[in-house]
Amino acid sequence: MIDARQSLPVTRDSITHKFSIERHEGYLTIGLYPDGRPGEIFIKMSKEGSTISGMCQAFCRAFSLAIQHGLSIRDAVARFKGMRFEPMGMTSNEAIPETSSIVDYVARYLELHFCESRRASGDAVGRFSS
């Protein structure tokens, strides 16, 4: 049975994180539920209209629907972390110096900032510094 979709409020908080992987720049925006959990993601790549941009939009829609229907961030991270395809390589983020794909980068970013073990250890304060 599929869980009922938990939509976000019409007006919601979000964070936006600028990143680069090798020469590909982008922005990751994470829409938040009132309790601070991620409820949607968007990736805007600098090369609008490119295949990378289109695939990022498709991934974000599927990812957002999955978490709105009950997939935990921890389970999402486990499924997407480590995926390997271009672009890959060095990043602009000291906490994630190297990545194997944009999907891997997003999963690792979400893991760093939203998985319960990090938040429970007191890392919630200042967690958006990178």
N, C-alpha and C. Protein backbone atom coordinates (compact mmCIF):
# COMPACT_ATOMS: atom_id res chain seq x y z
N MET A 1 0.83 -1.19 0.00
CA MET A 1 0.00 0.00 0.00
C MET A 1 0.88 1.25 0.00
N ILE A 2 0.56 2.21 -0.81
CA ILE A 2 1.30 3.46 -0.90
C ILE A 2 0.74 4.42 0.14
N ASP A 3 1.66 5.04 0.90
CA ASP A 3 1.24 6.04 1.87
C ASP A 3 0.61 7.23 1.15
N ALA A 4 -0.30 7.90 1.84
CA ALA A 4 -0.90 9.12 1.29
C ALA A 4 0.18 10.19 1.19
N ARG A 5 0.10 10.98 0.17
CA ARG A 5 1.08 12.03 -0.05
C ARG A 5 0.94 13.12 0.99
N GLN A 6 2.05 13.51 1.59
CA GLN A 6 2.08 14.61 2.55
C GLN A 6 2.64 15.83 1.82
N SER A 7 1.74 16.68 1.32
CA SER A 7 2.14 17.87 0.58
C SER A 7 2.72 18.91 1.52
N LEU A 8 3.55 19.75 0.96
CA LEU A 8 4.12 20.86 1.73
C LEU A 8 3.12 22.01 1.76
N PRO A 9 3.24 22.89 2.77
CA PRO A 9 2.37 24.06 2.80
C PRO A 9 2.63 24.95 1.59
N VAL A 10 1.67 25.77 1.24
CA VAL A 10 1.81 26.66 0.09
C VAL A 10 3.02 27.58 0.25
N THR A 11 3.22 28.11 1.43
CA THR A 11 4.40 28.91 1.75
C THR A 11 5.27 28.09 2.68
N ARG A 12 6.54 27.89 2.30
CA ARG A 12 7.43 27.02 3.07
C ARG A 12 8.82 27.60 3.14
N ASP A 13 9.54 27.20 4.16
CA ASP A 13 10.95 27.56 4.27
C ASP A 13 11.75 26.66 3.34
N SER A 14 12.92 27.13 2.94
CA SER A 14 13.81 26.32 2.12
C SER A 14 15.24 26.79 2.34
N ILE A 15 16.17 25.96 1.92
CA ILE A 15 17.57 26.36 1.88
C ILE A 15 18.04 26.18 0.45
N THR A 16 18.97 27.02 0.05
CA THR A 16 19.57 26.89 -1.28
C THR A 16 21.07 26.81 -1.09
N HIS A 17 21.67 25.83 -1.75
CA HIS A 17 23.10 25.56 -1.63
C HIS A 17 23.73 25.60 -3.01
N LYS A 18 24.72 26.48 -3.20
CA LYS A 18 25.46 26.54 -4.46
C LYS A 18 26.56 25.49 -4.43
N PHE A 19 26.73 24.78 -5.55
CA PHE A 19 27.77 23.76 -5.62
C PHE A 19 28.38 23.74 -7.01
N SER A 20 29.54 23.11 -7.10
CA SER A 20 30.11 22.82 -8.42
C SER A 20 30.78 21.46 -8.35
N ILE A 21 30.68 20.75 -9.46
CA ILE A 21 31.33 19.47 -9.63
C ILE A 21 32.16 19.61 -10.90
N GLU A 22 33.49 19.61 -10.72
CA GLU A 22 34.38 19.93 -11.82
C GLU A 22 33.96 21.27 -12.41
N ARG A 23 33.59 21.38 -13.65
CA ARG A 23 33.23 22.68 -14.25
C ARG A 23 31.72 22.89 -14.33
N HIS A 24 30.93 22.04 -13.70
CA HIS A 24 29.47 22.14 -13.74
C HIS A 24 28.97 22.78 -12.45
N GLU A 25 28.36 23.97 -12.59
CA GLU A 25 27.82 24.67 -11.42
C GLU A 25 26.32 24.47 -11.32
N GLY A 26 25.84 24.46 -10.09
CA GLY A 26 24.41 24.31 -9.88
C GLY A 26 24.00 24.81 -8.51
N TYR A 27 22.69 24.82 -8.31
CA TYR A 27 22.08 25.20 -7.04
C TYR A 27 21.13 24.10 -6.62
N LEU A 28 21.27 23.63 -5.39
CA LEU A 28 20.36 22.66 -4.80
C LEU A 28 19.45 23.42 -3.84
N THR A 29 18.14 23.35 -4.08
CA THR A 29 17.17 23.97 -3.18
C THR A 29 16.36 22.86 -2.53
N ILE A 30 16.24 22.93 -1.22
CA ILE A 30 15.52 21.93 -0.44
C ILE A 30 14.35 22.62 0.25
N GLY A 31 13.12 22.27 -0.16
CA GLY A 31 11.92 22.79 0.47
C GLY A 31 11.64 22.01 1.74
N LEU A 32 11.29 22.71 2.81
CA LEU A 32 11.15 22.08 4.12
C LEU A 32 9.72 22.08 4.63
N TYR A 33 9.36 20.97 5.30
CA TYR A 33 8.11 20.92 6.06
C TYR A 33 8.27 21.84 7.27
N PRO A 34 7.18 22.22 7.93
CA PRO A 34 7.28 23.10 9.11
C PRO A 34 8.19 22.53 10.22
N ASP A 35 8.33 21.20 10.29
CA ASP A 35 9.18 20.61 11.33
C ASP A 35 10.65 20.53 10.90
N GLY A 36 11.00 21.05 9.72
CA GLY A 36 12.39 21.09 9.28
C GLY A 36 12.83 19.93 8.41
N ARG A 37 11.94 18.96 8.19
CA ARG A 37 12.28 17.83 7.31
C ARG A 37 12.22 18.26 5.86
N PRO A 38 13.10 17.71 5.02
CA PRO A 38 12.99 17.98 3.59
C PRO A 38 11.71 17.39 3.01
N GLY A 39 11.07 18.16 2.13
CA GLY A 39 9.85 17.68 1.49
C GLY A 39 9.92 17.73 -0.02
N GLU A 40 10.93 18.41 -0.54
CA GLU A 40 11.13 18.48 -1.98
C GLU A 40 12.54 18.97 -2.25
N ILE A 41 13.05 18.64 -3.43
CA ILE A 41 14.34 19.17 -3.85
C ILE A 41 14.24 19.66 -5.29
N PHE A 42 15.06 20.65 -5.58
CA PHE A 42 15.19 21.17 -6.93
C PHE A 42 16.68 21.35 -7.21
N ILE A 43 17.09 21.06 -8.41
CA ILE A 43 18.46 21.33 -8.83
C ILE A 43 18.39 22.21 -10.08
N LYS A 44 19.07 23.32 -10.02
CA LYS A 44 19.17 24.23 -11.16
C LYS A 44 20.62 24.20 -11.62
N MET A 45 20.84 23.68 -12.81
CA MET A 45 22.19 23.62 -13.36
C MET A 45 22.44 24.85 -14.22
N SER A 46 23.70 25.26 -14.30
CA SER A 46 24.03 26.48 -15.02
C SER A 46 23.77 26.35 -16.52
N LYS A 47 23.83 25.16 -17.06
CA LYS A 47 23.59 24.96 -18.50
C LYS A 47 22.14 24.55 -18.70
N GLU A 48 21.25 25.53 -18.62
CA GLU A 48 19.81 25.28 -18.76
C GLU A 48 19.52 24.70 -20.14
N GLY A 49 18.63 23.73 -20.17
CA GLY A 49 18.26 23.09 -21.43
C GLY A 49 19.15 21.92 -21.80
N SER A 50 20.18 21.70 -21.02
CA SER A 50 21.09 20.59 -21.32
C SER A 50 20.48 19.27 -20.87
N THR A 51 21.06 18.19 -21.34
CA THR A 51 20.64 16.86 -20.91
C THR A 51 20.79 16.72 -19.40
N ILE A 52 21.89 17.23 -18.86
CA ILE A 52 22.12 17.16 -17.40
C ILE A 52 20.99 17.86 -16.67
N SER A 53 20.63 19.04 -17.12
CA SER A 53 19.56 19.81 -16.48
C SER A 53 18.24 19.04 -16.52
N GLY A 54 17.92 18.47 -17.67
CA GLY A 54 16.67 17.70 -17.80
C GLY A 54 16.65 16.48 -16.91
N MET A 55 17.75 15.76 -16.86
CA MET A 55 17.81 14.58 -15.99
C MET A 55 17.73 14.98 -14.51
N CYS A 56 18.33 16.11 -14.16
CA CYS A 56 18.23 16.60 -12.78
C CYS A 56 16.78 16.92 -12.42
N GLN A 57 16.05 17.55 -13.33
CA GLN A 57 14.65 17.86 -13.06
C GLN A 57 13.84 16.58 -12.88
N ALA A 58 14.08 15.58 -13.71
CA ALA A 58 13.36 14.30 -13.59
C ALA A 58 13.68 13.63 -12.26
N PHE A 59 14.96 13.60 -11.89
CA PHE A 59 15.38 13.01 -10.62
C PHE A 59 14.71 13.74 -9.45
N CYS A 60 14.71 15.07 -9.49
CA CYS A 60 14.13 15.85 -8.39
C CYS A 60 12.64 15.59 -8.23
N ARG A 61 11.91 15.51 -9.33
CA ARG A 61 10.47 15.22 -9.23
C ARG A 61 10.23 13.86 -8.60
N ALA A 62 10.96 12.85 -9.07
CA ALA A 62 10.79 11.50 -8.53
C ALA A 62 11.20 11.45 -7.06
N PHE A 63 12.33 12.05 -6.72
CA PHE A 63 12.82 12.08 -5.35
C PHE A 63 11.81 12.77 -4.44
N SER A 64 11.32 13.93 -4.87
CA SER A 64 10.37 14.70 -4.05
C SER A 64 9.09 13.91 -3.81
N LEU A 65 8.56 13.30 -4.86
CA LEU A 65 7.34 12.49 -4.69
C LEU A 65 7.60 11.31 -3.75
N ALA A 66 8.76 10.69 -3.85
CA ALA A 66 9.07 9.55 -2.98
C ALA A 66 9.09 9.96 -1.51
N ILE A 67 9.74 11.08 -1.19
CA ILE A 67 9.79 11.48 0.23
C ILE A 67 8.44 12.02 0.70
N GLN A 68 7.65 12.59 -0.20
CA GLN A 68 6.31 13.04 0.18
C GLN A 68 5.37 11.86 0.42
N HIS A 69 5.70 10.70 -0.12
CA HIS A 69 4.90 9.49 0.09
C HIS A 69 5.50 8.59 1.17
N GLY A 70 6.48 9.07 1.91
CA GLY A 70 6.94 8.35 3.09
C GLY A 70 8.34 7.76 3.05
N LEU A 71 9.06 7.86 1.92
CA LEU A 71 10.45 7.37 1.90
C LEU A 71 11.27 8.27 2.81
N SER A 72 11.97 7.68 3.76
CA SER A 72 12.77 8.48 4.68
C SER A 72 14.02 9.00 3.95
N ILE A 73 14.55 10.10 4.46
CA ILE A 73 15.78 10.64 3.88
C ILE A 73 16.90 9.61 4.02
N ARG A 74 16.95 8.92 5.14
CA ARG A 74 17.98 7.89 5.33
C ARG A 74 17.88 6.81 4.26
N ASP A 75 16.67 6.33 3.96
CA ASP A 75 16.50 5.32 2.92
C ASP A 75 16.81 5.88 1.53
N ALA A 76 16.43 7.13 1.28
CA ALA A 76 16.74 7.75 -0.01
C ALA A 76 18.25 7.87 -0.19
N VAL A 77 18.94 8.29 0.85
CA VAL A 77 20.40 8.40 0.80
C VAL A 77 21.01 7.04 0.48
N ALA A 78 20.54 5.99 1.15
CA ALA A 78 21.08 4.65 0.92
C ALA A 78 20.90 4.21 -0.54
N ARG A 79 19.82 4.62 -1.17
CA ARG A 79 19.54 4.21 -2.55
C ARG A 79 20.32 5.02 -3.58
N PHE A 80 20.62 6.29 -3.29
CA PHE A 80 21.24 7.16 -4.29
C PHE A 80 22.72 7.45 -4.05
N LYS A 81 23.19 7.31 -2.83
CA LYS A 81 24.59 7.57 -2.54
C LYS A 81 25.46 6.55 -3.27
N GLY A 82 26.50 7.06 -3.90
CA GLY A 82 27.44 6.18 -4.59
C GLY A 82 27.15 5.95 -6.06
N MET A 83 26.02 6.47 -6.57
CA MET A 83 25.76 6.34 -8.00
C MET A 83 26.88 7.03 -8.76
N ARG A 84 27.31 6.40 -9.86
CA ARG A 84 28.50 6.88 -10.56
C ARG A 84 28.20 7.17 -12.03
N PHE A 85 28.32 8.46 -12.40
CA PHE A 85 28.22 8.89 -13.80
C PHE A 85 28.67 10.34 -13.89
N GLU A 86 28.95 10.80 -15.08
CA GLU A 86 29.40 12.18 -15.30
C GLU A 86 28.27 13.18 -15.07
N PRO A 87 28.58 14.36 -14.57
CA PRO A 87 29.90 14.81 -14.13
C PRO A 87 30.25 14.24 -12.76
N MET A 88 31.50 13.98 -12.57
CA MET A 88 32.04 13.48 -11.30
C MET A 88 33.37 14.16 -11.05
N GLY A 89 33.83 14.08 -9.81
CA GLY A 89 35.14 14.64 -9.50
C GLY A 89 35.11 15.58 -8.32
N MET A 90 36.03 16.54 -8.34
CA MET A 90 36.20 17.48 -7.23
C MET A 90 34.99 18.43 -7.16
N THR A 91 34.65 18.80 -5.92
CA THR A 91 33.52 19.71 -5.70
C THR A 91 34.00 20.99 -5.01
N SER A 92 33.10 21.93 -4.89
CA SER A 92 33.38 23.19 -4.20
C SER A 92 33.09 23.11 -2.70
N ASN A 93 32.69 21.95 -2.21
CA ASN A 93 32.26 21.77 -0.82
C ASN A 93 33.33 21.03 -0.03
N GLU A 94 33.91 21.67 0.98
CA GLU A 94 34.95 21.03 1.79
C GLU A 94 34.45 19.78 2.50
N ALA A 95 33.17 19.73 2.85
CA ALA A 95 32.61 18.57 3.54
C ALA A 95 32.40 17.39 2.59
N ILE A 96 32.31 17.68 1.29
CA ILE A 96 32.15 16.64 0.26
C ILE A 96 33.17 16.97 -0.83
N PRO A 97 34.43 16.69 -0.60
CA PRO A 97 35.46 17.15 -1.53
C PRO A 97 35.43 16.49 -2.91
N GLU A 98 34.90 15.29 -2.99
CA GLU A 98 34.84 14.58 -4.25
C GLU A 98 33.54 13.80 -4.32
N THR A 99 32.99 13.69 -5.52
CA THR A 99 31.72 12.99 -5.69
C THR A 99 31.74 12.16 -6.96
N SER A 100 30.89 11.15 -7.01
CA SER A 100 30.84 10.27 -8.18
C SER A 100 29.71 10.62 -9.13
N SER A 101 28.86 11.64 -8.79
CA SER A 101 27.79 12.12 -9.67
C SER A 101 27.02 13.22 -8.95
N ILE A 102 26.16 13.89 -9.68
CA ILE A 102 25.29 14.90 -9.05
C ILE A 102 24.36 14.22 -8.05
N VAL A 103 23.83 13.05 -8.40
CA VAL A 103 22.93 12.32 -7.51
C VAL A 103 23.67 11.92 -6.23
N ASP A 104 24.91 11.44 -6.36
CA ASP A 104 25.72 11.10 -5.20
C ASP A 104 25.94 12.34 -4.33
N TYR A 105 26.23 13.49 -4.95
CA TYR A 105 26.45 14.73 -4.21
C TYR A 105 25.20 15.11 -3.41
N VAL A 106 24.04 15.09 -4.05
CA VAL A 106 22.79 15.44 -3.36
C VAL A 106 22.54 14.49 -2.19
N ALA A 107 22.72 13.20 -2.41
CA ALA A 107 22.52 12.22 -1.34
C ALA A 107 23.46 12.48 -0.17
N ARG A 108 24.71 12.75 -0.46
CA ARG A 108 25.68 13.00 0.60
C ARG A 108 25.40 14.32 1.32
N TYR A 109 24.94 15.34 0.59
CA TYR A 109 24.58 16.61 1.22
C TYR A 109 23.39 16.40 2.17
N LEU A 110 22.38 15.69 1.71
CA LEU A 110 21.22 15.42 2.56
C LEU A 110 21.62 14.58 3.78
N GLU A 111 22.50 13.62 3.58
CA GLU A 111 22.97 12.81 4.70
C GLU A 111 23.66 13.68 5.75
N LEU A 112 24.52 14.57 5.29
CA LEU A 112 25.25 15.45 6.22
C LEU A 112 24.33 16.36 7.02
N HIS A 113 23.27 16.84 6.39
CA HIS A 113 22.47 17.88 7.03
C HIS A 113 21.11 17.43 7.56
N PHE A 114 20.64 16.24 7.17
CA PHE A 114 19.28 15.87 7.56
C PHE A 114 19.11 14.46 8.14
N CYS A 115 20.14 13.64 8.15
CA CYS A 115 19.98 12.30 8.72
C CYS A 115 20.05 12.38 10.23
N GLU A 116 19.21 11.62 10.88
CA GLU A 116 19.01 11.72 12.33
C GLU A 116 20.27 11.55 13.15
N SER A 117 21.20 10.67 12.78
CA SER A 117 22.38 10.45 13.61
C SER A 117 23.22 11.71 13.73
N ARG A 118 23.32 12.50 12.65
CA ARG A 118 24.07 13.76 12.70
C ARG A 118 23.33 14.77 13.56
N ARG A 119 22.03 14.87 13.39
CA ARG A 119 21.24 15.86 14.14
C ARG A 119 21.22 15.50 15.61
N ALA A 120 21.13 14.21 15.92
CA ALA A 120 21.08 13.78 17.32
C ALA A 120 22.40 14.05 18.04
N SER A 121 23.50 14.10 17.30
CA SER A 121 24.80 14.31 17.92
C SER A 121 25.09 15.79 18.18
N GLY A 122 24.11 16.65 17.94
CA GLY A 122 24.28 18.07 18.22
C GLY A 122 24.79 18.86 17.04
N ASP A 123 24.87 18.25 15.87
CA ASP A 123 25.39 18.93 14.69
C ASP A 123 24.34 19.77 13.98
N ALA A 124 23.14 19.85 14.54
CA ALA A 124 22.08 20.61 13.89
C ALA A 124 22.39 22.10 13.86
N VAL A 125 23.10 22.58 14.86
CA VAL A 125 23.45 24.00 14.91
C VAL A 125 24.54 24.27 13.88
N GLY A 126 24.28 25.20 13.00
CA GLY A 126 25.25 25.56 11.98
C GLY A 126 25.40 24.52 10.89
N ARG A 127 24.42 23.67 10.72
CA ARG A 127 24.56 22.57 9.78
C ARG A 127 24.54 23.01 8.32
N PHE A 128 24.19 24.25 8.04
CA PHE A 128 24.13 24.72 6.65
C PHE A 128 25.33 25.58 6.28
N SER A 129 26.41 25.45 7.01
CA SER A 129 27.57 26.30 6.74
C SER A 129 28.32 25.89 5.47
N SER A 130 28.16 24.67 5.02
CA SER A 130 28.90 24.24 3.83
C SER A 130 28.03 24.26 2.60
